PDB file of all heavy atoms in Angstrom:
ATOM      1  N   GLN A   1     132.026  47.683 254.294  1.00  0.00           N
ATOM      2  CA  GLN A   1     132.967  48.363 255.186  1.00  0.00           C
ATOM      3  C   GLN A   1     132.994  47.649 256.539  1.00  0.00           C
ATOM      4  O   GLN A   1     132.301  48.053 257.478  1.00  0.00           O
ATOM      5  CB  GLN A   1     132.570  49.822 255.344  1.00  0.00           C
ATOM      6  CG  GLN A   1     132.562  50.588 254.037  1.00  0.00           C
ATOM      7  CD  GLN A   1     132.106  52.026 254.197  1.00  0.00           C
ATOM      8  OE1 GLN A   1     131.775  52.479 255.280  1.00  0.00           O
ATOM      9  NE2 GLN A   1     132.085  52.755 253.100  1.00  0.00           N
ATOM     10  N   PRO A   2     133.781  46.580 256.661  1.00  0.00           N
ATOM     11  CA  PRO A   2     133.829  45.836 257.917  1.00  0.00           C
ATOM     12  C   PRO A   2     134.512  46.610 259.031  1.00  0.00           C
ATOM     13  O   PRO A   2     135.258  47.560 258.786  1.00  0.00           O
ATOM     14  CB  PRO A   2     134.624  44.579 257.547  1.00  0.00           C
ATOM     15  CG  PRO A   2     135.497  45.024 256.410  1.00  0.00           C
ATOM     16  CD  PRO A   2     134.678  46.012 255.633  1.00  0.00           C
ATOM     17  N   SER A   3     134.279  46.188 260.252  1.00  0.00           N
ATOM     18  CA  SER A   3     134.898  46.820 261.415  1.00  0.00           C
ATOM     19  C   SER A   3     136.402  46.596 261.413  1.00  0.00           C
ATOM     20  O   SER A   3     136.917  45.685 260.749  1.00  0.00           O
ATOM     21  CB  SER A   3     134.299  46.248 262.698  1.00  0.00           C
ATOM     22  OG  SER A   3     134.652  44.872 262.827  1.00  0.00           O
ATOM     23  N   ASN A   4     137.118  47.399 262.178  1.00  0.00           N
ATOM     24  CA  ASN A   4     138.577  47.256 262.252  1.00  0.00           C
ATOM     25  C   ASN A   4     139.011  45.864 262.716  1.00  0.00           C
ATOM     26  O   ASN A   4     139.962  45.295 262.152  1.00  0.00           O
ATOM     27  CB  ASN A   4     139.170  48.336 263.154  1.00  0.00           C
ATOM     28  CG  ASN A   4     139.167  49.698 262.503  1.00  0.00           C
ATOM     29  OD1 ASN A   4     139.157  49.815 261.276  1.00  0.00           O
ATOM     30  ND2 ASN A   4     139.178  50.752 263.304  1.00  0.00           N
ATOM     31  N   PRO A   5     138.381  45.273 263.752  1.00  0.00           N
ATOM     32  CA  PRO A   5     138.802  43.918 264.124  1.00  0.00           C
ATOM     33  C   PRO A   5     138.638  42.899 262.998  1.00  0.00           C
ATOM     34  O   PRO A   5     139.498  42.021 262.825  1.00  0.00           O
ATOM     35  CB  PRO A   5     137.883  43.592 265.319  1.00  0.00           C
ATOM     36  CG  PRO A   5     137.575  44.920 265.917  1.00  0.00           C
ATOM     37  CD  PRO A   5     137.442  45.834 264.730  1.00  0.00           C
ATOM     38  N   VAL A   6     137.577  43.007 262.222  1.00  0.00           N
ATOM     39  CA  VAL A   6     137.392  42.092 261.096  1.00  0.00           C
ATOM     40  C   VAL A   6     138.464  42.333 260.034  1.00  0.00           C
ATOM     41  O   VAL A   6     139.018  41.388 259.463  1.00  0.00           O
ATOM     42  CB  VAL A   6     135.980  42.233 260.491  1.00  0.00           C
ATOM     43  CG1 VAL A   6     135.855  41.449 259.188  1.00  0.00           C
ATOM     44  CG2 VAL A   6     134.936  41.745 261.486  1.00  0.00           C
ATOM     45  N   GLN A   7     138.786  43.581 259.788  1.00  0.00           N
ATOM     46  CA  GLN A   7     139.852  43.888 258.833  1.00  0.00           C
ATOM     47  C   GLN A   7     141.177  43.259 259.272  1.00  0.00           C
ATOM     48  O   GLN A   7     141.932  42.739 258.450  1.00  0.00           O
ATOM     49  CB  GLN A   7     140.005  45.397 258.681  1.00  0.00           C
ATOM     50  CG  GLN A   7     138.828  46.072 257.990  1.00  0.00           C
ATOM     51  CD  GLN A   7     139.040  47.567 257.847  1.00  0.00           C
ATOM     52  OE1 GLN A   7     140.124  48.030 257.496  1.00  0.00           O
ATOM     53  NE2 GLN A   7     137.995  48.333 258.122  1.00  0.00           N
ATOM     54  N   LEU A   8     141.463  43.299 260.574  1.00  0.00           N
ATOM     55  CA  LEU A   8     142.699  42.700 261.088  1.00  0.00           C
ATOM     56  C   LEU A   8     142.679  41.183 260.921  1.00  0.00           C
ATOM     57  O   LEU A   8     143.684  40.581 260.553  1.00  0.00           O
ATOM     58  CB  LEU A   8     142.887  43.065 262.557  1.00  0.00           C
ATOM     59  CG  LEU A   8     143.291  44.518 262.827  1.00  0.00           C
ATOM     60  CD1 LEU A   8     143.186  44.831 264.312  1.00  0.00           C
ATOM     61  CD2 LEU A   8     144.714  44.773 262.335  1.00  0.00           C
ATOM     62  N   LEU A   9     141.543  40.566 261.206  1.00  0.00           N
ATOM     63  CA  LEU A   9     141.432  39.118 261.009  1.00  0.00           C
ATOM     64  C   LEU A   9     141.723  38.763 259.562  1.00  0.00           C
ATOM     65  O   LEU A   9     142.487  37.828 259.280  1.00  0.00           O
ATOM     66  CB  LEU A   9     140.025  38.654 261.393  1.00  0.00           C
ATOM     67  CG  LEU A   9     139.717  37.177 261.141  1.00  0.00           C
ATOM     68  CD1 LEU A   9     140.449  36.301 262.145  1.00  0.00           C
ATOM     69  CD2 LEU A   9     138.210  36.916 261.204  1.00  0.00           C
ATOM     70  N   LEU A  10     141.139  39.504 258.635  1.00  0.00           N
ATOM     71  CA  LEU A  10     141.320  39.213 257.212  1.00  0.00           C
ATOM     72  C   LEU A  10     142.758  39.470 256.761  1.00  0.00           C
ATOM     73  O   LEU A  10     143.256  38.790 255.857  1.00  0.00           O
ATOM     74  CB  LEU A  10     140.347  40.055 256.386  1.00  0.00           C
ATOM     75  CG  LEU A  10     138.860  39.812 256.638  1.00  0.00           C
ATOM     76  CD1 LEU A  10     138.020  40.753 255.783  1.00  0.00           C
ATOM     77  CD2 LEU A  10     138.485  38.369 256.364  1.00  0.00           C
ATOM     78  N   ARG A  11     143.407  40.426 257.397  1.00  0.00           N
ATOM     79  CA  ARG A  11     144.777  40.773 257.006  1.00  0.00           C
ATOM     80  C   ARG A  11     145.773  39.697 257.418  1.00  0.00           C
ATOM     81  O   ARG A  11     146.731  39.391 256.690  1.00  0.00           O
ATOM     82  CB  ARG A  11     145.174  42.097 257.646  1.00  0.00           C
ATOM     83  CG  ARG A  11     146.572  42.596 257.232  1.00  0.00           C
ATOM     84  CD  ARG A  11     146.918  43.878 257.964  1.00  0.00           C
ATOM     85  NE  ARG A  11     145.888  44.899 257.783  1.00  0.00           N
ATOM     86  CZ  ARG A  11     145.818  46.022 258.512  1.00  0.00           C
ATOM     87  NH1 ARG A  11     146.715  46.258 259.460  1.00  0.00           N
ATOM     88  NH2 ARG A  11     144.868  46.900 258.289  1.00  0.00           N
ATOM     89  N   PHE A  12     145.551  39.085 258.577  1.00  0.00           N
ATOM     90  CA  PHE A  12     146.572  38.199 259.139  1.00  0.00           C
ATOM     91  C   PHE A  12     146.242  36.710 259.062  1.00  0.00           C
ATOM     92  O   PHE A  12     147.078  35.883 259.422  1.00  0.00           O
ATOM     93  CB  PHE A  12     146.835  38.570 260.611  1.00  0.00           C
ATOM     94  CG  PHE A  12     147.503  39.901 260.773  1.00  0.00           C
ATOM     95  CD1 PHE A  12     146.804  40.983 261.287  1.00  0.00           C
ATOM     96  CD2 PHE A  12     148.821  40.081 260.394  1.00  0.00           C
ATOM     97  CE1 PHE A  12     147.420  42.223 261.431  1.00  0.00           C
ATOM     98  CE2 PHE A  12     149.443  41.316 260.539  1.00  0.00           C
ATOM     99  CZ  PHE A  12     148.739  42.387 261.054  1.00  0.00           C
ATOM    100  N   THR A  13     145.052  36.353 258.602  1.00  0.00           N
ATOM    101  CA  THR A  13     144.684  34.937 258.588  1.00  0.00           C
ATOM    102  C   THR A  13     144.013  34.561 257.276  1.00  0.00           C
ATOM    103  O   THR A  13     143.393  35.393 256.616  1.00  0.00           O
ATOM    104  CB  THR A  13     143.714  34.609 259.743  1.00  0.00           C
ATOM    105  OG1 THR A  13     142.494  35.338 259.560  1.00  0.00           O
ATOM    106  CG2 THR A  13     144.304  34.980 261.082  1.00  0.00           C
ATOM    107  N   ASP A  14     144.120  33.286 256.938  1.00  0.00           N
ATOM    108  CA  ASP A  14     143.407  32.728 255.787  1.00  0.00           C
ATOM    109  C   ASP A  14     142.178  32.014 256.333  1.00  0.00           C
ATOM    110  O   ASP A  14     142.297  30.990 257.008  1.00  0.00           O
ATOM    111  CB  ASP A  14     144.302  31.745 255.035  1.00  0.00           C
ATOM    112  CG  ASP A  14     143.608  31.110 253.835  1.00  0.00           C
ATOM    113  OD1 ASP A  14     142.474  31.529 253.512  1.00  0.00           O
ATOM    114  OD2 ASP A  14     144.189  30.188 253.238  1.00  0.00           O
ATOM    115  N   ILE A  15     141.003  32.547 256.062  1.00  0.00           N
ATOM    116  CA  ILE A  15     139.785  31.978 256.630  1.00  0.00           C
ATOM    117  C   ILE A  15     138.919  31.296 255.566  1.00  0.00           C
ATOM    118  O   ILE A  15     137.775  30.955 255.830  1.00  0.00           O
ATOM    119  CB  ILE A  15     138.968  33.054 257.371  1.00  0.00           C
ATOM    120  CG1 ILE A  15     138.538  34.174 256.424  1.00  0.00           C
ATOM    121  CG2 ILE A  15     139.770  33.609 258.535  1.00  0.00           C
ATOM    122  CD1 ILE A  15     137.600  35.185 257.071  1.00  0.00           C
ATOM    123  N   ASP A  16     139.480  31.093 254.394  1.00  0.00           N
ATOM    124  CA  ASP A  16     138.732  30.451 253.309  1.00  0.00           C
ATOM    125  C   ASP A  16     138.224  29.078 253.754  1.00  0.00           C
ATOM    126  O   ASP A  16     138.987  28.251 254.268  1.00  0.00           O
ATOM    127  CB  ASP A  16     139.630  30.299 252.084  1.00  0.00           C
ATOM    128  CG  ASP A  16     138.880  29.741 250.884  1.00  0.00           C
ATOM    129  OD1 ASP A  16     137.681  30.034 250.740  1.00  0.00           O
ATOM    130  OD2 ASP A  16     139.502  29.003 250.105  1.00  0.00           O
ATOM    131  N   GLY A  17     136.922  28.854 253.613  1.00  0.00           N
ATOM    132  CA  GLY A  17     136.337  27.566 253.942  1.00  0.00           C
ATOM    133  C   GLY A  17     135.910  27.400 255.384  1.00  0.00           C
ATOM    134  O   GLY A  17     135.287  26.386 255.732  1.00  0.00           O
ATOM    135  N   LEU A  18     136.208  28.366 256.250  1.00  0.00           N
ATOM    136  CA  LEU A  18     135.836  28.246 257.658  1.00  0.00           C
ATOM    137  C   LEU A  18     134.370  28.626 257.869  1.00  0.00           C
ATOM    138  O   LEU A  18     133.758  29.310 257.053  1.00  0.00           O
ATOM    139  CB  LEU A  18     136.731  29.145 258.523  1.00  0.00           C
ATOM    140  CG  LEU A  18     138.232  28.859 258.478  1.00  0.00           C
ATOM    141  CD1 LEU A  18     138.962  29.737 259.507  1.00  0.00           C
ATOM    142  CD2 LEU A  18     138.525  27.387 258.737  1.00  0.00           C
ATOM    143  N   LYS A  19     133.819  28.177 258.990  1.00  0.00           N
ATOM    144  CA  LYS A  19     132.435  28.505 259.351  1.00  0.00           C
ATOM    145  C   LYS A  19     132.440  29.640 260.367  1.00  0.00           C
ATOM    146  O   LYS A  19     133.146  29.575 261.374  1.00  0.00           O
ATOM    147  CB  LYS A  19     131.730  27.292 259.948  1.00  0.00           C
ATOM    148  CG  LYS A  19     131.407  26.203 258.955  1.00  0.00           C
ATOM    149  CD  LYS A  19     130.608  25.092 259.621  1.00  0.00           C
ATOM    150  CE  LYS A  19     129.242  25.576 260.075  1.00  0.00           C
ATOM    151  NZ  LYS A  19     128.433  24.478 260.664  1.00  0.00           N
ATOM    152  N   ALA A  20     131.643  30.684 260.082  1.00  0.00           N
ATOM    153  CA  ALA A  20     131.618  31.870 260.930  1.00  0.00           C
ATOM    154  C   ALA A  20     130.186  32.172 261.376  1.00  0.00           C
ATOM    155  O   ALA A  20     129.228  31.995 260.616  1.00  0.00           O
ATOM    156  CB  ALA A  20     132.196  33.075 260.185  1.00  0.00           C
ATOM    157  N   LEU A  21     130.075  32.652 262.605  1.00  0.00           N
ATOM    158  CA  LEU A  21     128.797  33.081 263.167  1.00  0.00           C
ATOM    159  C   LEU A  21     128.942  34.507 263.658  1.00  0.00           C
ATOM    160  O   LEU A  21     129.890  34.814 264.400  1.00  0.00           O
ATOM    161  CB  LEU A  21     128.404  32.175 264.339  1.00  0.00           C
ATOM    162  CG  LEU A  21     127.210  32.623 265.197  1.00  0.00           C
ATOM    163  CD1 LEU A  21     125.919  32.617 264.380  1.00  0.00           C
ATOM    164  CD2 LEU A  21     127.072  31.720 266.431  1.00  0.00           C
ATOM    165  N   GLU A  22     128.020  35.385 263.247  1.00  0.00           N
ATOM    166  CA  GLU A  22     128.033  36.756 263.768  1.00  0.00           C
ATOM    167  C   GLU A  22     126.769  37.017 264.571  1.00  0.00           C
ATOM    168  O   GLU A  22     125.651  36.849 264.082  1.00  0.00           O
ATOM    169  CB  GLU A  22     128.142  37.801 262.657  1.00  0.00           C
ATOM    170  CG  GLU A  22     128.214  39.200 263.254  1.00  0.00           C
ATOM    171  CD  GLU A  22     128.313  40.331 262.258  1.00  0.00           C
ATOM    172  OE1 GLU A  22     127.895  40.159 261.104  1.00  0.00           O
ATOM    173  OE2 GLU A  22     128.804  41.409 262.660  1.00  0.00           O
ATOM    174  N   PHE A  23     126.970  37.470 265.808  1.00  0.00           N
ATOM    175  CA  PHE A  23     125.868  37.917 266.650  1.00  0.00           C
ATOM    176  C   PHE A  23     125.466  39.328 266.242  1.00  0.00           C
ATOM    177  O   PHE A  23     126.320  40.171 265.954  1.00  0.00           O
ATOM    178  CB  PHE A  23     126.312  37.954 268.122  1.00  0.00           C
ATOM    179  CG  PHE A  23     126.303  36.621 268.819  1.00  0.00           C
ATOM    180  CD1 PHE A  23     127.055  35.554 268.355  1.00  0.00           C
ATOM    181  CD2 PHE A  23     125.554  36.438 269.968  1.00  0.00           C
ATOM    182  CE1 PHE A  23     127.054  34.331 269.005  1.00  0.00           C
ATOM    183  CE2 PHE A  23     125.534  35.226 270.634  1.00  0.00           C
ATOM    184  CZ  PHE A  23     126.288  34.165 270.153  1.00  0.00           C
ATOM    185  N   ALA A  24     124.154  39.615 266.258  1.00  0.00           N
ATOM    186  CA  ALA A  24     123.636  40.967 266.039  1.00  0.00           C
ATOM    187  C   ALA A  24     124.314  41.623 264.836  1.00  0.00           C
ATOM    188  O   ALA A  24     125.062  42.587 264.958  1.00  0.00           O
ATOM    189  CB  ALA A  24     123.813  41.813 267.293  1.00  0.00           C
ATOM    190  N   SER A  25     124.005  41.109 263.646  1.00  0.00           N
ATOM    191  CA  SER A  25     124.757  41.450 262.434  1.00  0.00           C
ATOM    192  C   SER A  25     124.540  42.863 261.911  1.00  0.00           C
ATOM    193  O   SER A  25     125.281  43.314 261.042  1.00  0.00           O
ATOM    194  CB  SER A  25     124.421  40.444 261.321  1.00  0.00           C
ATOM    195  OG  SER A  25     124.793  39.141 261.692  1.00  0.00           O
ATOM    196  N   GLY A  26     123.505  43.568 262.370  1.00  0.00           N
ATOM    197  CA  GLY A  26     123.325  44.961 261.980  1.00  0.00           C
ATOM    198  C   GLY A  26     123.128  45.139 260.490  1.00  0.00           C
ATOM    199  O   GLY A  26     122.226  44.563 259.887  1.00  0.00           O
ATOM    200  N   ASN A  27     124.016  45.928 259.857  1.00  0.00           N
ATOM    201  CA  ASN A  27     123.882  46.172 258.412  1.00  0.00           C
ATOM    202  C   ASN A  27     124.522  45.075 257.566  1.00  0.00           C
ATOM    203  O   ASN A  27     124.462  45.114 256.340  1.00  0.00           O
ATOM    204  CB  ASN A  27     124.454  47.537 258.040  1.00  0.00           C
ATOM    205  CG  ASN A  27     125.962  47.624 258.185  1.00  0.00           C
ATOM    206  OD1 ASN A  27     126.643  46.639 258.443  1.00  0.00           O
ATOM    207  ND2 ASN A  27     126.497  48.835 258.040  1.00  0.00           N
ATOM    208  N   GLY A  28     125.155  44.101 258.235  1.00  0.00           N
ATOM    209  CA  GLY A  28     125.688  42.943 257.521  1.00  0.00           C
ATOM    210  C   GLY A  28     127.085  43.083 256.967  1.00  0.00           C
ATOM    211  O   GLY A  28     127.631  42.114 256.434  1.00  0.00           O
ATOM    212  N   ASP A  29     127.720  44.243 257.106  1.00  0.00           N
ATOM    213  CA  ASP A  29     129.012  44.440 256.452  1.00  0.00           C
ATOM    214  C   ASP A  29     130.079  43.452 256.943  1.00  0.00           C
ATOM    215  O   ASP A  29     130.887  42.957 256.151  1.00  0.00           O
ATOM    216  CB  ASP A  29     129.501  45.875 256.658  1.00  0.00           C
ATOM    217  CG  ASP A  29     128.894  46.834 255.643  1.00  0.00           C
ATOM    218  OD1 ASP A  29     128.050  46.399 254.833  1.00  0.00           O
ATOM    219  OD2 ASP A  29     129.261  48.025 255.649  1.00  0.00           O
ATOM    220  N   ASN A  30     130.104  43.160 258.245  1.00  0.00           N
ATOM    221  CA  ASN A  30     131.086  42.192 258.738  1.00  0.00           C
ATOM    222  C   ASN A  30     130.812  40.803 258.177  1.00  0.00           C
ATOM    223  O   ASN A  30     131.734  40.094 257.760  1.00  0.00           O
ATOM    224  CB  ASN A  30     131.067  42.149 260.265  1.00  0.00           C
ATOM    225  CG  ASN A  30     131.674  43.384 260.890  1.00  0.00           C
ATOM    226  OD1 ASN A  30     132.623  43.955 260.365  1.00  0.00           O
ATOM    227  ND2 ASN A  30     131.130  43.801 262.021  1.00  0.00           N
ATOM    228  N   ALA A  31     129.554  40.409 258.164  1.00  0.00           N
ATOM    229  CA  ALA A  31     129.186  39.095 257.640  1.00  0.00           C
ATOM    230  C   ALA A  31     129.533  38.969 256.159  1.00  0.00           C
ATOM    231  O   ALA A  31     130.069  37.945 255.712  1.00  0.00           O
ATOM    232  CB  ALA A  31     127.694  38.846 257.865  1.00  0.00           C
ATOM    233  N   PHE A  32     129.252  40.024 255.392  1.00  0.00           N
ATOM    234  CA  PHE A  32     129.565  39.976 253.956  1.00  0.00           C
ATOM    235  C   PHE A  32     131.075  39.956 253.716  1.00  0.00           C
ATOM    236  O   PHE A  32     131.548  39.296 252.788  1.00  0.00           O
ATOM    237  CB  PHE A  32     128.927  41.162 253.236  1.00  0.00           C
ATOM    238  CG  PHE A  32     127.431  41.067 253.123  1.00  0.00           C
ATOM    239  CD1 PHE A  32     126.609  42.008 253.708  1.00  0.00           C
ATOM    240  CD2 PHE A  32     126.835  40.020 252.428  1.00  0.00           C
ATOM    241  CE1 PHE A  32     125.227  41.919 253.625  1.00  0.00           C
ATOM    242  CE2 PHE A  32     125.457  39.908 252.328  1.00  0.00           C
ATOM    243  CZ  PHE A  32     124.639  40.865 252.931  1.00  0.00           C
ATOM    244  N   ALA A  33     131.839  40.657 254.554  1.00  0.00           N
ATOM    245  CA  ALA A  33     133.297  40.637 254.404  1.00  0.00           C
ATOM    246  C   ALA A  33     133.843  39.235 254.649  1.00  0.00           C
ATOM    247  O   ALA A  33     134.743  38.771 253.936  1.00  0.00           O
ATOM    248  CB  ALA A  33     133.935  41.642 255.366  1.00  0.00           C
ATOM    249  N   LEU A  34     133.309  38.540 255.650  1.00  0.00           N
ATOM    250  CA  LEU A  34     133.747  37.174 255.916  1.00  0.00           C
ATOM    251  C   LEU A  34     133.342  36.250 254.767  1.00  0.00           C
ATOM    252  O   LEU A  34     134.105  35.372 254.357  1.00  0.00           O
ATOM    253  CB  LEU A  34     133.149  36.681 257.226  1.00  0.00           C
ATOM    254  CG  LEU A  34     133.613  37.403 258.493  1.00  0.00           C
ATOM    255  CD1 LEU A  34     132.881  36.859 259.711  1.00  0.00           C
ATOM    256  CD2 LEU A  34     135.120  37.281 258.685  1.00  0.00           C
ATOM    257  N   TYR A  35     132.147  36.462 254.244  1.00  0.00           N
ATOM    258  CA  TYR A  35     131.683  35.672 253.091  1.00  0.00           C
ATOM    259  C   TYR A  35     132.621  35.872 251.901  1.00  0.00           C
ATOM    260  O   TYR A  35     133.032  34.900 251.250  1.00  0.00           O
ATOM    261  CB  TYR A  35     130.260  36.077 252.718  1.00  0.00           C
ATOM    262  CG  TYR A  35     129.800  35.503 251.403  1.00  0.00           C
ATOM    263  CD1 TYR A  35     129.256  34.223 251.331  1.00  0.00           C
ATOM    264  CD2 TYR A  35     129.926  36.240 250.223  1.00  0.00           C
ATOM    265  CE1 TYR A  35     128.854  33.690 250.118  1.00  0.00           C
ATOM    266  CE2 TYR A  35     129.524  35.711 249.007  1.00  0.00           C
ATOM    267  CZ  TYR A  35     128.994  34.433 248.960  1.00  0.00           C
ATOM    268  OH  TYR A  35     128.610  33.909 247.743  1.00  0.00           O
ATOM    269  N   GLU A  36     132.960  37.116 251.610  1.00  0.00           N
ATOM    270  CA  GLU A  36     133.820  37.406 250.460  1.00  0.00           C
ATOM    271  C   GLU A  36     135.220  36.826 250.639  1.00  0.00           C
ATOM    272  O   GLU A  36     135.924  36.584 249.655  1.00  0.00           O
ATOM    273  CB  GLU A  36     133.884  38.916 250.223  1.00  0.00           C
ATOM    274  CG  GLU A  36     132.565  39.490 249.702  1.00  0.00           C
ATOM    275  CD  GLU A  36     132.617  40.977 249.443  1.00  0.00           C
ATOM    276  OE1 GLU A  36     133.577  41.636 249.904  1.00  0.00           O
ATOM    277  OE2 GLU A  36     131.681  41.492 248.801  1.00  0.00           O
ATOM    278  N   ALA A  37     135.607  36.583 251.897  1.00  0.00           N
ATOM    279  CA  ALA A  37     136.907  35.956 252.166  1.00  0.00           C
ATOM    280  C   ALA A  37     136.832  34.434 252.105  1.00  0.00           C
ATOM    281  O   ALA A  37     137.835  33.757 252.354  1.00  0.00           O
ATOM    282  CB  ALA A  37     137.418  36.395 253.537  1.00  0.00           C
ATOM    283  N   GLY A  38     135.660  33.892 251.796  1.00  0.00           N
ATOM    284  CA  GLY A  38     135.524  32.458 251.592  1.00  0.00           C
ATOM    285  C   GLY A  38     134.828  31.699 252.701  1.00  0.00           C
ATOM    286  O   GLY A  38     134.720  30.469 252.633  1.00  0.00           O
ATOM    287  N   CYS A  39     134.329  32.397 253.729  1.00  0.00           N
ATOM    288  CA  CYS A  39     133.677  31.724 254.848  1.00  0.00           C
ATOM    289  C   CYS A  39     132.258  31.271 254.509  1.00  0.00           C
ATOM    290  O   CYS A  39     131.599  31.840 253.639  1.00  0.00           O
ATOM    291  CB  CYS A  39     133.586  32.661 256.052  1.00  0.00           C
ATOM    292  SG  CYS A  39     135.096  32.794 257.011  1.00  0.00           S
ATOM    293  N   HIS A  40     131.802  30.294 255.252  1.00  0.00           N
ATOM    294  CA  HIS A  40     130.395  29.930 255.315  1.00  0.00           C
ATOM    295  C   HIS A  40     129.837  30.703 256.505  1.00  0.00           C
ATOM    296  O   HIS A  40     130.249  30.478 257.648  1.00  0.00           O
ATOM    297  CB  HIS A  40     130.221  28.431 255.521  1.00  0.00           C
ATOM    298  CG  HIS A  40     130.754  27.612 254.397  1.00  0.00           C
ATOM    299  ND1 HIS A  40     129.944  27.005 253.462  1.00  0.00           N
ATOM    300  CD2 HIS A  40     132.029  27.307 254.036  1.00  0.00           C
ATOM    301  CE1 HIS A  40     130.687  26.355 252.585  1.00  0.00           C
ATOM    302  NE2 HIS A  40     131.951  26.516 252.909  1.00  0.00           N
TER     303      HIS A  40
END
């Protein structure tokens, strides 16, 4: 269950293959959502 800003990023952009860094990842949901969209 990613945050609303992450949901918006995924809705409007193709991030497959991009490199992402998350500060203070907490429960990891945002990081896993980016991973499932194809990010490193």
